[in-house]
Amino acid sequence: MQLYEQLALSRWLDPEAALVLADYLEERGEAMLLEVGKTYLVMTLTHYYTGKVVESTPGRTVLEDPAWIPDTGRLSEALATGKLNEVEPGPDGESLVLNTSHITNGWMWNHALPRKVK
């Protein structure tokens, strides 16, 4: 079992064990942290989100100006053009906190963050 799988499983089963494992990963430089100040299209275990990373730790990632992306359309087109089929932005001024262990990947988002329902 990979360390990230262990982290996800331990968070679900034992929060204290998750903190110990998260610290271990961070010390080894193996925590998958997104770069603060950058904007991303983030894929979690179940959803896509866009936002600007304002905090990234082994425990949580915080996105500013977040939007839930129920439908990206063709991913390659979305990444190249910023065009998304469906967008549900969060309230203005609010942030979204994601469990870092649930993030499967993060694509750099080199476009304006979507802030209108589509």
Protein backbone atom coordinates (compact mmCIF):
# COMPACT_ATOMS: atom_id res chain seq x y z
CA MET A 1 0.00 0.00 0.00
CA GLN A 2 1.36 3.43 -0.99
CA LEU A 3 1.94 6.04 1.72
CA TYR A 4 -0.88 8.23 0.37
CA GLU A 5 -3.28 5.31 0.47
CA GLN A 6 -2.22 4.71 4.06
CA LEU A 7 -2.78 8.39 4.85
CA ALA A 8 -6.27 8.39 3.32
CA LEU A 9 -7.20 5.15 5.08
CA SER A 10 -5.79 6.26 8.44
CA ARG A 11 -7.73 9.55 8.23
CA TRP A 12 -10.90 7.59 7.71
CA LEU A 13 -10.20 5.10 10.50
CA ASP A 14 -8.10 6.97 13.06
CA PRO A 15 -7.57 10.76 12.95
CA GLU A 16 -4.63 10.60 15.37
CA ALA A 17 -2.82 8.06 13.18
CA ALA A 18 -3.45 10.32 10.18
CA LEU A 19 -1.64 13.21 11.86
CA VAL A 20 1.36 11.02 12.66
CA LEU A 21 1.49 9.74 9.08
CA ALA A 22 1.06 13.26 7.64
CA ASP A 23 4.00 14.50 9.75
CA TYR A 24 6.09 11.55 8.58
CA LEU A 25 5.32 12.29 4.91
CA GLU A 26 6.12 15.97 5.35
CA GLU A 27 9.46 15.20 7.03
CA ARG A 28 10.39 12.87 4.16
CA GLY A 29 9.35 15.47 1.59
CA GLU A 30 6.73 13.10 0.18
CA ALA A 31 3.62 15.11 0.93
CA MET A 32 1.83 16.13 -2.27
CA LEU A 33 1.44 19.82 -1.56
CA LEU A 34 0.14 22.33 -4.06
CA GLU A 35 2.09 25.57 -4.40
CA VAL A 36 0.65 28.48 -2.42
CA GLY A 37 -0.27 31.45 -4.61
CA LYS A 38 -0.86 29.35 -7.74
CA THR A 39 -4.24 28.57 -9.30
CA TYR A 40 -5.24 24.99 -10.03
CA LEU A 41 -7.88 22.72 -11.43
CA VAL A 42 -7.86 20.12 -8.65
CA MET A 43 -9.23 16.61 -8.93
CA THR A 44 -10.30 14.95 -5.69
CA LEU A 45 -11.56 11.41 -5.23
CA THR A 46 -15.03 12.51 -6.39
CA HIS A 47 -15.02 16.11 -7.71
CA TYR A 48 -13.12 18.80 -9.63
CA TYR A 49 -12.50 22.26 -8.17
CA THR A 50 -10.74 25.42 -9.29
CA GLY A 51 -9.20 27.98 -6.98
CA LYS A 52 -6.12 29.79 -5.78
CA VAL A 53 -4.16 27.89 -3.13
CA VAL A 54 -3.73 29.96 0.02
CA GLU A 55 -2.68 27.09 2.30
CA SER A 56 -1.37 23.60 1.60
CA THR A 57 -0.37 21.18 4.35
CA PRO A 58 -0.45 17.38 4.56
CA GLY A 59 -3.79 17.76 6.35
CA ARG A 60 -5.63 20.38 4.34
CA THR A 61 -5.54 22.52 1.23
CA VAL A 62 -7.42 25.81 1.21
CA LEU A 63 -8.67 27.31 -2.06
CA GLU A 64 -9.63 30.98 -2.40
CA ASP A 65 -12.28 31.93 -5.00
CA PRO A 66 -13.24 28.26 -5.34
CA ALA A 67 -15.67 26.71 -7.78
CA TRP A 68 -16.99 23.17 -8.03
CA ILE A 69 -16.69 21.93 -11.61
CA PRO A 70 -19.35 19.24 -12.18
CA ASP A 71 -18.41 18.92 -15.88
CA THR A 72 -15.05 19.91 -17.35
CA GLY A 73 -15.97 18.87 -20.88
CA ARG A 74 -12.88 17.63 -22.71
CA LEU A 75 -10.14 17.99 -20.10
CA SER A 76 -7.48 18.85 -22.67
CA GLU A 77 -9.68 21.65 -24.04
CA ALA A 78 -10.47 22.95 -20.56
CA LEU A 79 -6.78 23.11 -19.67
CA ALA A 80 -5.83 24.75 -22.97
CA THR A 81 -8.64 27.29 -23.20
CA GLY A 82 -10.21 27.65 -19.75
CA LYS A 83 -13.58 26.61 -21.19
CA LEU A 84 -15.62 24.47 -18.78
CA ASN A 85 -19.04 22.93 -19.46
CA GLU A 86 -20.49 23.47 -15.98
CA VAL A 87 -19.40 25.69 -13.08
CA GLU A 88 -20.80 26.21 -9.57
CA PRO A 89 -18.75 28.95 -7.88
CA GLY A 90 -18.59 29.25 -4.12
CA PRO A 91 -19.81 32.44 -2.41
CA ASP A 92 -17.63 35.53 -2.93
CA GLY A 93 -15.11 35.95 -0.14
CA GLU A 94 -15.39 32.34 1.04
CA SER A 95 -12.69 29.69 0.92
CA LEU A 96 -12.93 25.95 0.38
CA VAL A 97 -11.04 23.55 2.64
CA LEU A 98 -10.12 20.21 1.06
CA ASN A 99 -8.70 17.17 2.77
CA THR A 100 -5.25 16.99 1.15
CA SER A 101 -5.26 13.19 1.19
CA HIS A 102 -8.34 13.25 -1.08
CA ILE A 103 -6.58 15.26 -3.79
CA THR A 104 -5.55 12.93 -6.60
CA ASN A 105 -3.94 15.56 -8.85
CA GLY A 106 -3.76 19.25 -9.53
CA TRP A 107 -3.41 20.86 -12.95
CA MET A 108 -2.04 24.39 -13.16
CA TRP A 109 -4.93 26.66 -14.17
CA ASN A 110 -3.53 29.39 -16.42
CA HIS A 111 -6.86 31.16 -16.94
CA ALA A 112 -9.15 33.46 -14.98
CA LEU A 113 -10.86 31.53 -12.20
CA PRO A 114 -14.50 30.82 -13.09
CA ARG A 115 -16.79 32.93 -10.88
CA LYS A 116 -20.12 32.70 -12.74
CA VAL A 117 -22.63 29.86 -12.76
CA LYS A 118 -22.55 27.99 -16.01
